[in-house]
Protein backbone atom coordinates (compact mmCIF):
# COMPACT_ATOMS: atom_id res chain seq x y z
CA MET A 1 0.00 0.00 0.00
CA ASN A 2 1.45 3.31 -1.07
CA PHE A 3 1.31 5.93 1.67
CA THR A 4 1.04 8.66 -0.94
CA ASP A 5 -2.32 7.17 -1.95
CA VAL A 6 -3.82 6.87 1.53
CA GLY A 7 -2.05 9.87 3.07
CA PRO A 8 -4.52 12.48 1.78
CA HIS A 9 -7.46 10.35 3.00
CA ILE A 10 -5.91 10.05 6.46
CA PHE A 11 -5.20 13.76 6.60
CA ARG A 12 -8.74 14.69 5.55
CA THR A 13 -10.27 12.18 7.97
CA ILE A 14 -8.34 13.67 10.90
CA LEU A 15 -9.15 17.20 9.77
CA MET A 16 -12.89 16.46 9.39
CA TYR A 17 -12.92 14.69 12.77
CA PHE A 18 -11.64 17.78 14.55
CA LEU A 19 -13.85 20.11 12.51
CA VAL A 20 -17.03 18.17 13.38
CA TYR A 21 -15.89 17.86 17.01
CA CYS A 22 -15.32 21.62 17.23
CA ALA A 23 -18.64 22.27 15.49
CA ILE A 24 -20.54 20.25 18.11
CA ARG A 25 -18.69 22.03 20.92
CA ILE A 26 -19.42 25.44 19.40
CA MET A 27 -23.12 24.65 19.00
CA GLY A 28 -23.34 23.84 22.70
CA LYS A 29 -23.98 20.91 25.02
CA ARG A 30 -27.62 20.95 23.96
CA GLU A 31 -26.55 19.06 20.85
CA ILE A 32 -25.16 16.24 23.00
CA GLY A 33 -27.86 16.20 25.66
CA LYS A 34 -30.79 15.90 23.25
CA LEU A 35 -31.56 15.96 19.57
CA SER A 36 -34.56 17.89 18.35
CA MET A 37 -35.62 17.62 14.72
CA PHE A 38 -33.53 20.67 13.82
CA ASP A 39 -30.51 19.31 15.69
CA LEU A 40 -30.84 15.97 13.92
CA VAL A 41 -30.89 17.64 10.51
CA VAL A 42 -27.77 19.64 11.37
CA SER A 43 -25.94 16.54 12.62
CA ILE A 44 -26.79 14.55 9.47
CA MET A 45 -25.71 17.39 7.19
CA LEU A 46 -22.38 17.79 8.99
CA ALA A 47 -21.73 14.05 8.69
CA GLU A 48 -22.58 14.04 4.98
CA MET A 49 -20.35 17.05 4.25
CA ALA A 50 -17.45 15.50 6.13
CA ALA A 51 -17.86 12.22 4.25
CA PHE A 52 -18.01 14.08 0.92
CA VAL A 53 -14.62 15.70 1.53
CA ILE A 54 -13.00 12.49 2.83
CA GLU A 55 -14.15 10.24 -0.04
CA ASP A 56 -13.21 12.48 -2.95
CA ILE A 57 -9.73 13.90 -2.42
CA LYS A 58 -9.90 15.55 -5.83
CA LYS A 59 -12.43 18.01 -4.42
CA PRO A 60 -10.91 21.06 -2.69
CA LEU A 61 -11.28 21.12 1.08
CA SER A 62 -13.09 24.42 0.78
CA HIS A 63 -15.98 22.64 -0.96
CA GLY A 64 -16.69 20.80 2.29
CA ILE A 65 -15.56 23.30 4.89
CA ALA A 66 -17.55 26.26 3.52
CA PRO A 67 -20.94 24.44 3.66
CA MET A 68 -20.09 23.13 7.14
CA LEU A 69 -19.36 26.64 8.39
CA THR A 70 -22.61 27.85 6.80
CA VAL A 71 -24.63 25.19 8.64
CA ILE A 72 -22.86 25.97 11.91
CA VAL A 73 -23.57 29.70 11.60
CA MET A 74 -27.21 28.96 10.74
CA GLN A 75 -27.62 26.69 13.77
CA ILE A 76 -26.01 29.18 16.16
CA GLY A 77 -28.15 31.98 14.71
CA MET A 78 -31.37 29.96 15.11
CA ALA A 79 -30.39 29.00 18.66
CA TYR A 80 -29.77 32.67 19.52
CA LEU A 81 -33.11 33.73 18.05
CA GLY A 82 -34.74 30.88 19.97
CA LEU A 83 -33.43 32.35 23.21
CA LYS A 84 -35.23 35.59 22.37
CA SER A 85 -38.48 34.14 21.07
CA ARG A 86 -40.45 31.29 22.60
CA LYS A 87 -42.76 31.24 19.57
CA LEU A 88 -39.78 30.49 17.36
CA ARG A 89 -38.64 27.73 19.73
CA LEU A 90 -42.07 26.12 19.59
CA MET A 91 -42.14 26.43 15.81
CA ILE A 92 -38.74 24.75 15.44
CA ASP A 93 -38.78 22.18 18.23
CA GLY A 94 -42.50 21.81 18.89
CA LYS A 95 -43.87 21.33 22.40
CA PRO A 96 -44.40 18.37 24.73
CA THR A 97 -47.60 16.38 24.29
CA VAL A 98 -49.64 14.92 27.14
CA VAL A 99 -50.38 11.29 26.20
CA ILE A 100 -51.63 10.12 29.61
CA SER A 101 -53.37 12.06 32.35
CA LYS A 102 -54.81 10.48 35.49
CA GLY A 103 -54.39 7.03 33.97
CA LYS A 104 -56.35 7.96 30.84
CA LEU A 105 -54.88 7.63 27.35
CA HIS A 106 -55.18 10.57 24.95
CA ARG A 107 -55.47 8.64 21.69
CA ASP A 108 -56.05 11.70 19.52
CA GLU A 109 -52.78 13.24 20.68
CA MET A 110 -50.97 9.95 20.07
CA LYS A 111 -52.33 9.84 16.52
CA LYS A 112 -51.16 13.39 15.84
CA GLN A 113 -47.64 12.44 16.91
CA ARG A 114 -47.82 9.05 15.12
CA TYR A 115 -46.97 7.49 18.47
CA ASN A 116 -48.28 3.95 18.78
CA LEU A 117 -49.23 1.87 21.80
CA ASP A 118 -46.20 -0.42 21.48
CA ASP A 119 -43.86 2.56 21.74
CA LEU A 120 -45.73 3.80 24.79
CA LEU A 121 -45.69 0.47 26.62
CA GLN A 122 -42.01 -0.03 25.83
CA GLN A 123 -41.04 3.35 27.25
CA LEU A 124 -43.20 2.74 30.32
CA ARG A 125 -41.45 -0.59 30.91
CA GLU A 126 -38.09 1.14 30.64
CA GLN A 127 -39.17 3.22 33.65
CA ASN A 128 -40.35 0.12 35.58
CA ILE A 129 -44.05 0.88 35.07
CA ASP A 130 -46.15 -2.04 33.83
CA SER A 131 -49.63 -0.52 33.87
CA ILE A 132 -51.04 2.67 32.37
CA GLU A 133 -53.29 2.94 35.42
CA ASP A 134 -50.20 3.59 37.56
CA VAL A 135 -49.41 6.75 35.58
CA ASP A 136 -50.60 10.15 36.75
CA PHE A 137 -49.13 12.11 33.83
CA ALA A 138 -46.99 11.12 30.85
CA LEU A 139 -45.58 13.67 28.46
CA LEU A 140 -43.98 12.93 25.12
CA GLU A 141 -41.09 15.36 24.88
CA THR A 142 -39.96 16.97 21.65
CA THR A 143 -36.97 14.61 21.59
CA GLY A 144 -39.24 11.53 21.62
CA LYS A 145 -38.45 10.76 25.25
CA LEU A 146 -41.39 9.89 27.50
CA THR A 147 -41.45 11.73 30.83
CA VAL A 148 -43.58 9.84 33.34
CA PHE A 149 -45.04 10.98 36.66
CA PRO A 150 -46.33 7.87 38.47
CA LYS A 151 -49.24 7.97 40.85
CA ASP A 152 -48.49 8.26 44.56
CA GLN A 153 -48.95 4.66 45.63
CA SER A 154 -48.96 5.60 49.30
CA ALA A 155 -51.81 8.07 48.86
CA GLY A 156 -54.45 5.37 48.84
CA ASN A 157 -53.04 3.66 51.92
CA ASN A 158 -52.69 6.92 53.79
CA ALA A 159 -56.20 7.97 52.85
CA SER A 160 -57.71 4.72 54.10
CA SER A 161 -55.75 4.83 57.34
CA GLY A 162 -56.75 8.45 57.78
CA SER A 163 -60.42 7.58 57.42
CA ASP A 164 -60.06 4.83 60.00
CA SER A 165 -58.63 7.31 62.48
CA GLY A 166 -61.41 9.84 61.87
CA ASN A 167 -59.31 12.16 59.68
CA SER A 168 -61.05 11.48 56.39
CA SER A 169 -61.06 15.20 55.49
CA THR A 170 -57.27 15.41 55.41
CA GLU A 171 -55.95 15.70 51.86
CA LYS A 172 -52.63 14.12 50.99
CA LYS A 173 -49.68 15.48 49.13
CA GLY A 174 -49.82 14.85 45.41
CA SER A 175 -53.63 14.89 45.17
CA VAL A 176 -54.45 18.05 47.08
CA LYS A 177 -57.13 20.38 45.73
CA LEU A 178 -56.16 23.96 46.38
CA LYS A 179 -58.57 26.71 47.20
CA GLY A 180 -58.34 29.12 44.27
CA PHE A 181 -56.19 26.63 42.32
CA PRO A 182 -58.61 23.82 41.44
CA ASN A 183 -56.62 22.47 38.51
CA ILE A 184 -53.26 22.19 40.24
CA LYS A 185 -53.18 18.81 41.92
CA TYR A 186 -49.76 17.36 41.22
CA GLU A 187 -46.52 18.53 42.72
CA GLY A 188 -44.42 17.35 39.77
CA LEU A 189 -46.04 19.74 37.31
CA PRO A 190 -45.50 23.40 38.18
CA VAL A 191 -47.50 25.69 35.94
CA PRO A 192 -45.54 28.37 34.04
CA LEU A 193 -47.20 31.80 34.23
CA ILE A 194 -44.48 33.89 32.56
CA MET A 195 -41.82 32.65 30.14
CA ASP A 196 -39.22 34.93 28.59
CA GLY A 197 -41.24 37.97 29.62
CA LYS A 198 -44.42 36.67 27.97
CA VAL A 199 -47.51 36.03 30.11
CA GLN A 200 -49.04 32.59 29.60
CA ASP A 201 -52.69 33.69 29.59
CA GLU A 202 -54.04 30.16 29.09
CA ASN A 203 -52.36 29.01 32.28
CA LEU A 204 -53.62 32.06 34.15
CA GLU A 205 -57.16 31.17 33.08
CA MET A 206 -56.60 27.59 34.16
CA ILE A 207 -55.80 28.62 37.75
CA GLU A 208 -58.56 31.26 37.63
CA LYS A 209 -56.27 34.24 38.12
CA THR A 210 -55.79 37.52 36.26
CA ARG A 211 -52.90 39.59 34.97
CA PHE A 212 -53.62 42.09 37.74
CA TRP A 213 -53.06 39.36 40.33
CA LEU A 214 -49.90 38.25 38.55
CA LYS A 215 -48.57 41.81 38.39
CA ASN A 216 -49.01 42.11 42.16
CA GLN A 217 -47.07 38.88 42.69
CA ILE A 218 -44.03 39.98 40.71
CA GLN A 219 -44.10 43.48 42.21
CA GLN A 220 -43.78 41.91 45.65
CA LYS A 221 -40.43 40.57 44.39
CA GLY A 222 -39.34 44.03 43.26
CA ILE A 223 -40.08 43.46 39.56
CA MET A 224 -42.24 46.11 37.93
CA ASP A 225 -42.97 44.66 34.49
CA PHE A 226 -43.73 41.24 32.99
CA LYS A 227 -40.98 41.68 30.40
CA ASP A 228 -38.41 41.76 33.21
CA VAL A 229 -39.30 38.19 34.26
CA PHE A 230 -37.41 35.24 32.79
CA ILE A 231 -39.60 32.53 34.34
CA CYS A 232 -42.49 32.63 36.80
CA SER A 233 -44.28 29.42 37.83
CA ILE A 234 -46.65 28.20 40.53
CA ASP A 235 -46.74 24.77 42.18
CA HIS A 236 -49.55 22.73 43.73
CA ASN A 237 -49.12 24.52 47.05
CA GLY A 238 -49.63 27.92 45.43
CA LYS A 239 -45.94 28.74 45.92
CA ILE A 240 -44.66 31.11 43.26
CA TYR A 241 -41.16 30.94 41.82
CA ILE A 242 -39.83 34.02 40.02
CA SER A 243 -36.52 34.42 38.24
CA PRO A 244 -35.76 37.89 36.77
CA ARG A 245 -34.05 38.34 33.46
CA GLU A 246 -30.34 38.83 33.95
CA ASP A 247 -30.14 41.64 31.42
CA LYS A 248 -32.68 43.59 33.50
CA LYS A 249 -30.84 43.39 36.80
């Protein structure tokens, strides 16, 4: 084997390896932690461009490097715009879908996502859950991962023991019905009220509160305007979490 024949291939392979590695690092750890549809497209394109340059040494390196840099700049630009606009993020990545709530399957949502029952049962088994009835909430994330919130198995036992002791009116953690917050019953699902300075009016309606009430809550934390809030959420106990935008500090 003549080294002069394989030398260029080896050189280009090493060069493309480091270029793709640097590209992934530049685009951020998000690329490694999860792959959205947009991330998957970028990863496939980078792989194809690298292979194109490695296989045909007669092609100038610039024919592969220039498109790779273009894709990288596009991805970084879209990620930056996504930080500024939640609507753009939802348009690119989509949003999680509730496929199970209170042990009930949402078949229409599963059909929309082309998510079949075998996939669901497999992902439930991977989380050591063998029955849909044991699931309080299950959300299909934009990455295809299933996030499962199992029912509190001790709630039933505690409720029965409480009734035996004459404390049947005591409500247990995880299934509590809040006065003024009738739809918040599960501690694992805090409800976002403000995201990236945008009020989530649908969630406000769900907990039967108004923007005036929300404005009072953030003003108690020294924040005067909704746009100065990065994230504001409320849990099943009515506890409000507020994080201001760093650029407004």
